[in-house]
């Protein structure tokens, strides 16, 4: 894989992450919660909102770093909120 950041290279990297990265229990629970799978057997959403001082920021950052979540500024929060979304790789790791 070359160092150019093309869609294909990013996808190839993310696919390989799913083959070896296993989230810990807390990280797995965050992924399940983001999809609504902590309460139902069928995913009905794909977001996890957190503030700058959120108690799970370490785990959220680790999930982003490993390609299981993406993050963006929360458009409905003027106080620095972040919204996370489970990636296809994250869903693959969960088996959904």
Protein backbone atom coordinates (compact mmCIF):
# COMPACT_ATOMS: atom_id res chain seq x y z
CA UNK A 1 0.00 0.00 0.00
CA UNK A 2 1.43 3.40 -0.89
CA UNK A 3 1.32 6.53 1.25
CA UNK A 4 -1.15 8.46 -0.90
CA UNK A 5 -4.42 9.09 0.90
CA UNK A 6 -6.89 7.88 -1.68
CA UNK A 7 -10.24 6.34 -0.91
CA UNK A 8 -8.94 2.90 -1.90
CA UNK A 9 -5.95 3.07 0.42
CA UNK A 10 -8.03 4.27 3.34
CA UNK A 11 -10.53 1.46 2.74
CA UNK A 12 -7.75 -1.11 2.53
CA UNK A 13 -6.31 0.16 5.83
CA UNK A 14 -9.70 0.12 7.53
CA UNK A 15 -10.40 -3.42 6.33
CA UNK A 16 -7.12 -4.63 7.80
CA UNK A 17 -7.90 -2.93 11.14
CA UNK A 18 -11.04 -5.06 11.49
CA UNK A 19 -8.91 -8.19 11.11
CA UNK A 20 -6.79 -7.55 14.19
CA UNK A 21 -8.25 -4.80 16.39
CA UNK A 22 -10.53 -6.07 19.13
CA UNK A 23 -12.19 -3.36 21.25
CA UNK A 24 -12.17 -3.86 24.98
CA UNK A 25 -15.44 -4.29 26.87
CA UNK A 26 -15.99 -0.56 27.44
CA UNK A 27 -15.20 0.28 23.78
CA UNK A 28 -17.52 -2.48 22.58
CA UNK A 29 -20.31 -1.12 24.79
CA UNK A 30 -19.80 2.35 23.28
CA UNK A 31 -20.14 0.90 19.76
CA UNK A 32 -23.28 -1.00 20.75
CA UNK A 33 -24.76 2.10 22.40
CA UNK A 34 -24.05 4.22 19.33
CA UNK A 35 -26.07 1.81 17.20
CA UNK A 36 -28.83 1.40 19.78
CA UNK A 37 -27.92 -2.25 20.20
CA UNK A 38 -27.57 -1.85 23.95
CA UNK A 39 -31.39 -1.76 24.17
CA UNK A 40 -32.67 -3.64 21.11
CA UNK A 41 -31.59 -6.46 18.81
CA UNK A 42 -31.77 -4.28 15.70
CA UNK A 43 -29.70 -1.14 15.11
CA UNK A 44 -31.91 1.93 14.86
CA UNK A 45 -29.41 4.81 15.05
CA UNK A 46 -25.75 5.56 14.44
CA UNK A 47 -24.47 8.27 16.75
CA UNK A 48 -22.84 8.78 20.11
CA UNK A 49 -22.75 12.34 21.47
CA UNK A 50 -20.09 13.44 23.93
CA UNK A 51 -18.82 16.68 25.42
CA UNK A 52 -15.21 17.76 25.82
CA UNK A 53 -15.05 16.37 29.37
CA UNK A 54 -16.91 13.11 28.66
CA UNK A 55 -15.86 10.17 30.85
CA UNK A 56 -15.25 7.95 27.79
CA UNK A 57 -13.06 10.33 25.77
CA UNK A 58 -10.05 8.01 26.01
CA UNK A 59 -12.02 5.08 24.60
CA UNK A 60 -13.73 7.24 21.97
CA UNK A 61 -10.35 8.52 20.78
CA UNK A 62 -9.00 4.98 20.60
CA UNK A 63 -11.99 3.84 18.53
CA UNK A 64 -11.50 6.77 16.12
CA UNK A 65 -7.75 6.08 15.90
CA UNK A 66 -8.44 2.46 14.99
CA UNK A 67 -11.09 3.28 12.38
CA UNK A 68 -14.16 1.99 14.23
CA UNK A 69 -15.69 5.46 14.77
CA UNK A 70 -15.63 8.78 12.96
CA UNK A 71 -16.16 12.08 14.73
CA UNK A 72 -17.44 15.54 13.89
CA UNK A 73 -18.54 18.68 15.67
CA UNK A 74 -22.08 18.41 17.00
CA UNK A 75 -24.12 20.89 14.91
CA UNK A 76 -26.71 21.20 17.70
CA UNK A 77 -24.27 21.88 20.55
CA UNK A 78 -22.59 25.28 20.88
CA UNK A 79 -20.41 24.11 23.78
CA UNK A 80 -17.89 21.92 21.99
CA UNK A 81 -19.91 18.73 21.68
CA UNK A 82 -18.74 15.94 19.40
CA UNK A 83 -20.85 13.36 17.56
CA UNK A 84 -19.34 9.97 16.79
CA UNK A 85 -20.58 7.52 14.15
CA UNK A 86 -19.77 3.81 13.83
CA UNK A 87 -17.93 3.03 10.60
CA UNK A 88 -18.47 -0.02 8.42
CA UNK A 89 -15.31 -1.43 10.02
CA UNK A 90 -16.83 -0.88 13.47
CA UNK A 91 -19.98 -2.70 12.40
CA UNK A 92 -17.88 -5.52 11.00
CA UNK A 93 -15.99 -5.87 14.29
CA UNK A 94 -19.35 -6.07 16.11
CA UNK A 95 -20.70 -8.55 13.61
CA UNK A 96 -23.65 -6.39 12.53
